[in-house]
Amino acid sequence: MRTRVRTCAHILERLGLATAGAASGLFVAALVGSSHAALTNQAFLLLMMLGGAVGFYLGIDTPPAPFNDISCGEGWVGKIDTPELLSAVGTFLAGFSAFASVGVIVLRHDPHVTWIAMIMAGWTIGVTMQIVAGAIARRRR
């Protein structure tokens, strides 16, 4: 049973994660938009921020597998908790892409378009993995 304080703390934590995701989307969008004139618009910025917010909100704090699905015997040996793996890899990709974006922006580098495409792809794939992990974990509850 959850108390009101725990529920409130959980909501604040999730909103903080969504804010961090939106910020990471903004950093990646700023880098990509500065190198591609077609992507220098508010719609692209908002889409990237919304994707980051949803991905970090759903994907970082996934509910654990139900206890009855995890057995202590032979049934669980060698099985992978798919949402946990997707969430971990997705969080790494999105976080590293945001870190690389901020690094490039702050250090005022002008990377080749291939590097920018790789940063954008890493962020997009990472956020998508987080959203899928969150959806799977919430569906199995």
C-alpha atoms as a PDB file:
ATOM      1  CA  MET A   1       0.000   0.000   0.000  1.00  0.00           C
ATOM      2  CA  ARG A   2       1.372   3.380  -0.969  1.00  0.00           C
ATOM      3  CA  THR A   3       1.108   6.437   1.204  1.00  0.00           C
ATOM      4  CA  ARG A   4       0.368   9.857  -0.210  1.00  0.00           C
ATOM      5  CA  VAL A   5       3.938  10.974   0.421  1.00  0.00           C
ATOM      6  CA  ARG A   6       5.378   7.992  -1.486  1.00  0.00           C
ATOM      7  CA  THR A   7       2.931   8.533  -4.340  1.00  0.00           C
ATOM      8  CA  CYS A   8       3.812  12.232  -4.476  1.00  0.00           C
ATOM      9  CA  ALA A   9       7.536  11.438  -4.415  1.00  0.00           C
ATOM     10  CA  HIS A  10       7.110   8.912  -7.229  1.00  0.00           C
ATOM     11  CA  ILE A  11       5.209  11.437  -9.356  1.00  0.00           C
ATOM     12  CA  LEU A  12       7.902  14.078  -8.769  1.00  0.00           C
ATOM     13  CA  GLU A  13      10.595  11.550  -9.682  1.00  0.00           C
ATOM     14  CA  ARG A  14       8.832  10.637 -12.918  1.00  0.00           C
ATOM     15  CA  LEU A  15       8.290  14.296 -13.820  1.00  0.00           C
ATOM     16  CA  GLY A  16      12.006  14.907 -13.188  1.00  0.00           C
ATOM     17  CA  LEU A  17      12.878  12.024 -15.515  1.00  0.00           C
ATOM     18  CA  ALA A  18      10.545  13.442 -18.168  1.00  0.00           C
ATOM     19  CA  THR A  19      12.196  16.843 -17.814  1.00  0.00           C
ATOM     20  CA  ALA A  20      15.649  15.306 -18.197  1.00  0.00           C
ATOM     21  CA  GLY A  21      14.434  13.473 -21.305  1.00  0.00           C
ATOM     22  CA  ALA A  22      13.015  16.668 -22.762  1.00  0.00           C
ATOM     23  CA  ALA A  23      16.319  18.442 -22.100  1.00  0.00           C
ATOM     24  CA  SER A  24      18.267  15.663 -23.806  1.00  0.00           C
ATOM     25  CA  GLY A  25      15.940  15.915 -26.794  1.00  0.00           C
ATOM     26  CA  LEU A  26      16.504  19.669 -26.885  1.00  0.00           C
ATOM     27  CA  PHE A  27      20.296  19.238 -26.884  1.00  0.00           C
ATOM     28  CA  VAL A  28      20.221  16.710 -29.726  1.00  0.00           C
ATOM     29  CA  ALA A  29      17.731  18.829 -31.686  1.00  0.00           C
ATOM     30  CA  ALA A  30      19.914  21.918 -31.256  1.00  0.00           C
ATOM     31  CA  LEU A  31      22.951  20.080 -32.613  1.00  0.00           C
ATOM     32  CA  VAL A  32      21.101  18.473 -35.510  1.00  0.00           C
ATOM     33  CA  GLY A  33      19.201  21.667 -36.308  1.00  0.00           C
ATOM     34  CA  SER A  34      22.389  23.726 -36.382  1.00  0.00           C
ATOM     35  CA  SER A  35      23.801  21.519 -39.121  1.00  0.00           C
ATOM     36  CA  HIS A  36      20.636  20.940 -41.179  1.00  0.00           C
ATOM     37  CA  ALA A  37      18.708  24.086 -42.041  1.00  0.00           C
ATOM     38  CA  ALA A  38      15.539  22.094 -42.792  1.00  0.00           C
ATOM     39  CA  LEU A  39      15.439  20.911 -39.166  1.00  0.00           C
ATOM     40  CA  THR A  40      15.784  24.370 -37.631  1.00  0.00           C
ATOM     41  CA  ASN A  41      12.158  24.840 -36.699  1.00  0.00           C
ATOM     42  CA  GLN A  42      10.052  24.778 -33.568  1.00  0.00           C
ATOM     43  CA  ALA A  43       8.106  21.691 -34.598  1.00  0.00           C
ATOM     44  CA  PHE A  44      11.301  19.617 -34.763  1.00  0.00           C
ATOM     45  CA  LEU A  45      12.444  20.939 -31.379  1.00  0.00           C
ATOM     46  CA  LEU A  46       9.091  20.157 -29.783  1.00  0.00           C
ATOM     47  CA  LEU A  47       8.956  16.683 -31.340  1.00  0.00           C
ATOM     48  CA  MET A  48      12.426  15.843 -30.042  1.00  0.00           C
ATOM     49  CA  MET A  49      11.595  17.189 -26.585  1.00  0.00           C
ATOM     50  CA  LEU A  50       8.302  15.306 -26.470  1.00  0.00           C
ATOM     51  CA  GLY A  51       9.990  12.078 -27.582  1.00  0.00           C
ATOM     52  CA  GLY A  52      12.646  12.473 -24.903  1.00  0.00           C
ATOM     53  CA  ALA A  53      10.083  13.236 -22.207  1.00  0.00           C
ATOM     54  CA  VAL A  54       7.932  10.221 -23.066  1.00  0.00           C
ATOM     55  CA  GLY A  55      10.948   7.927 -23.420  1.00  0.00           C
ATOM     56  CA  PHE A  56      12.522   8.886 -20.108  1.00  0.00           C
ATOM     57  CA  TYR A  57       9.140   8.903 -18.316  1.00  0.00           C
ATOM     58  CA  LEU A  58       8.178   5.419 -19.490  1.00  0.00           C
ATOM     59  CA  GLY A  59      11.502   3.724 -19.986  1.00  0.00           C
ATOM     60  CA  ILE A  60      13.712   4.511 -17.028  1.00  0.00           C
ATOM     61  CA  ASP A  61      11.413   3.483 -14.196  1.00  0.00           C
ATOM     62  CA  THR A  62       9.894   0.278 -15.584  1.00  0.00           C
ATOM     63  CA  PRO A  63       7.858  -1.886 -13.226  1.00  0.00           C
ATOM     64  CA  PRO A  64       9.639  -5.145 -12.312  1.00  0.00           C
ATOM     65  CA  ALA A  65       8.406  -8.498 -13.579  1.00  0.00           C
ATOM     66  CA  PRO A  66       5.634  -9.937 -11.387  1.00  0.00           C
ATOM     67  CA  PHE A  67       6.971 -12.214  -8.649  1.00  0.00           C
ATOM     68  CA  ASN A  68       5.103 -15.267  -9.932  1.00  0.00           C
ATOM     69  CA  ASP A  69       6.850 -14.937 -13.321  1.00  0.00           C
ATOM     70  CA  ILE A  70      10.269 -15.282 -11.696  1.00  0.00           C
ATOM     71  CA  SER A  71      10.899 -18.675 -10.231  1.00  0.00           C
ATOM     72  CA  CYS A  72      13.904 -19.564  -8.129  1.00  0.00           C
ATOM     73  CA  GLY A  73      14.323 -22.908  -9.861  1.00  0.00           C
ATOM     74  CA  GLU A  74      15.202 -23.929 -13.397  1.00  0.00           C
ATOM     75  CA  GLY A  75      12.391 -21.888 -15.018  1.00  0.00           C
ATOM     76  CA  TRP A  76      14.197 -18.546 -14.827  1.00  0.00           C
ATOM     77  CA  VAL A  77      17.747 -19.638 -15.637  1.00  0.00           C
ATOM     78  CA  GLY A  78      18.937 -18.154 -18.915  1.00  0.00           C
ATOM     79  CA  LYS A  79      15.870 -15.952 -19.476  1.00  0.00           C
ATOM     80  CA  ILE A  80      16.210 -12.235 -20.084  1.00  0.00           C
ATOM     81  CA  ASP A  81      13.872  -9.570 -18.746  1.00  0.00           C
ATOM     82  CA  THR A  82      13.326  -7.852 -22.103  1.00  0.00           C
ATOM     83  CA  PRO A  83      11.973  -4.528 -20.795  1.00  0.00           C
ATOM     84  CA  GLU A  84      14.888  -4.207 -18.388  1.00  0.00           C
ATOM     85  CA  LEU A  85      17.417  -4.826 -21.172  1.00  0.00           C
ATOM     86  CA  LEU A  86      15.671  -2.475 -23.615  1.00  0.00           C
ATOM     87  CA  SER A  87      15.442   0.200 -20.943  1.00  0.00           C
ATOM     88  CA  ALA A  88      19.117  -0.087 -20.027  1.00  0.00           C
ATOM     89  CA  VAL A  89      20.408   0.005 -23.601  1.00  0.00           C
ATOM     90  CA  GLY A  90      17.943   2.733 -24.591  1.00  0.00           C
ATOM     91  CA  THR A  91      18.886   4.903 -21.625  1.00  0.00           C
ATOM     92  CA  PHE A  92      22.571   4.478 -22.432  1.00  0.00           C
ATOM     93  CA  LEU A  93      22.103   5.385 -26.110  1.00  0.00           C
ATOM     94  CA  ALA A  94      19.877   8.399 -25.403  1.00  0.00           C
ATOM     95  CA  GLY A  95      22.063   9.638 -22.565  1.00  0.00           C
ATOM     96  CA  PHE A  96      25.317   9.212 -24.465  1.00  0.00           C
ATOM     97  CA  SER A  97      23.847  10.956 -27.525  1.00  0.00           C
ATOM     98  CA  ALA A  98      22.722  13.889 -25.388  1.00  0.00           C
ATOM     99  CA  PHE A  99      26.161  14.023 -23.733  1.00  0.00           C
ATOM    100  CA  ALA A 100      27.869  14.013 -27.141  1.00  0.00           C
ATOM    101  CA  SER A 101      25.543  16.770 -28.365  1.00  0.00           C
ATOM    102  CA  VAL A 102      26.280  18.996 -25.402  1.00  0.00           C
ATOM    103  CA  GLY A 103      30.001  18.330 -25.812  1.00  0.00           C
ATOM    104  CA  VAL A 104      29.950  19.330 -29.464  1.00  0.00           C
ATOM    105  CA  ILE A 105      27.876  22.448 -28.734  1.00  0.00           C
ATOM    106  CA  VAL A 106      29.966  23.613 -25.761  1.00  0.00           C
ATOM    107  CA  LEU A 107      33.317  22.917 -27.409  1.00  0.00           C
ATOM    108  CA  ARG A 108      32.070  24.574 -30.629  1.00  0.00           C
ATOM    109  CA  HIS A 109      33.183  21.751 -32.867  1.00  0.00           C
ATOM    110  CA  ASP A 110      31.889  21.327 -36.382  1.00  0.00           C
ATOM    111  CA  PRO A 111      31.631  17.527 -36.776  1.00  0.00           C
ATOM    112  CA  HIS A 112      31.116  15.783 -40.081  1.00  0.00           C
ATOM    113  CA  VAL A 113      27.495  15.168 -41.013  1.00  0.00           C
ATOM    114  CA  THR A 114      28.036  11.428 -40.469  1.00  0.00           C
ATOM    115  CA  TRP A 115      28.774  12.016 -36.770  1.00  0.00           C
ATOM    116  CA  ILE A 116      25.687  14.168 -36.427  1.00  0.00           C
ATOM    117  CA  ALA A 117      23.599  11.475 -38.114  1.00  0.00           C
ATOM    118  CA  MET A 118      25.034   8.885 -35.720  1.00  0.00           C
ATOM    119  CA  ILE A 119      24.175  11.056 -32.706  1.00  0.00           C
ATOM    120  CA  MET A 120      20.643  11.564 -34.021  1.00  0.00           C
ATOM    121  CA  ALA A 121      20.227   7.844 -34.762  1.00  0.00           C
ATOM    122  CA  GLY A 122      21.573   6.858 -31.334  1.00  0.00           C
ATOM    123  CA  TRP A 123      19.184   9.212 -29.600  1.00  0.00           C
ATOM    124  CA  THR A 124      16.179   8.171 -31.692  1.00  0.00           C
ATOM    125  CA  ILE A 125      16.861   4.448 -31.293  1.00  0.00           C
ATOM    126  CA  GLY A 126      17.521   4.891 -27.566  1.00  0.00           C
ATOM    127  CA  VAL A 127      14.315   6.792 -26.892  1.00  0.00           C
ATOM    128  CA  THR A 128      12.328   4.316 -28.987  1.00  0.00           C
ATOM    129  CA  MET A 129      13.797   1.442 -26.976  1.00  0.00           C
ATOM    130  CA  GLN A 130      12.817   3.205 -23.752  1.00  0.00           C
ATOM    131  CA  ILE A 131       9.231   3.723 -24.933  1.00  0.00           C
ATOM    132  CA  VAL A 132       8.912   0.098 -26.047  1.00  0.00           C
ATOM    133  CA  ALA A 133      10.405  -1.138 -22.741  1.00  0.00           C
ATOM    134  CA  GLY A 134       7.957   0.971 -20.748  1.00  0.00           C
ATOM    135  CA  ALA A 135       5.008  -0.212 -22.824  1.00  0.00           C
ATOM    136  CA  ILE A 136       5.973  -3.884 -22.460  1.00  0.00           C
ATOM    137  CA  ALA A 137       6.583  -3.584 -18.705  1.00  0.00           C
ATOM    138  CA  ARG A 138       3.264  -1.838 -18.098  1.00  0.00           C
ATOM    139  CA  ARG A 139       1.314  -4.263 -20.271  1.00  0.00           C
ATOM    140  CA  ARG A 140       2.512  -7.321 -18.346  1.00  0.00           C
ATOM    141  CA  ARG A 141       1.385  -6.008 -14.942  1.00  0.00           C
END
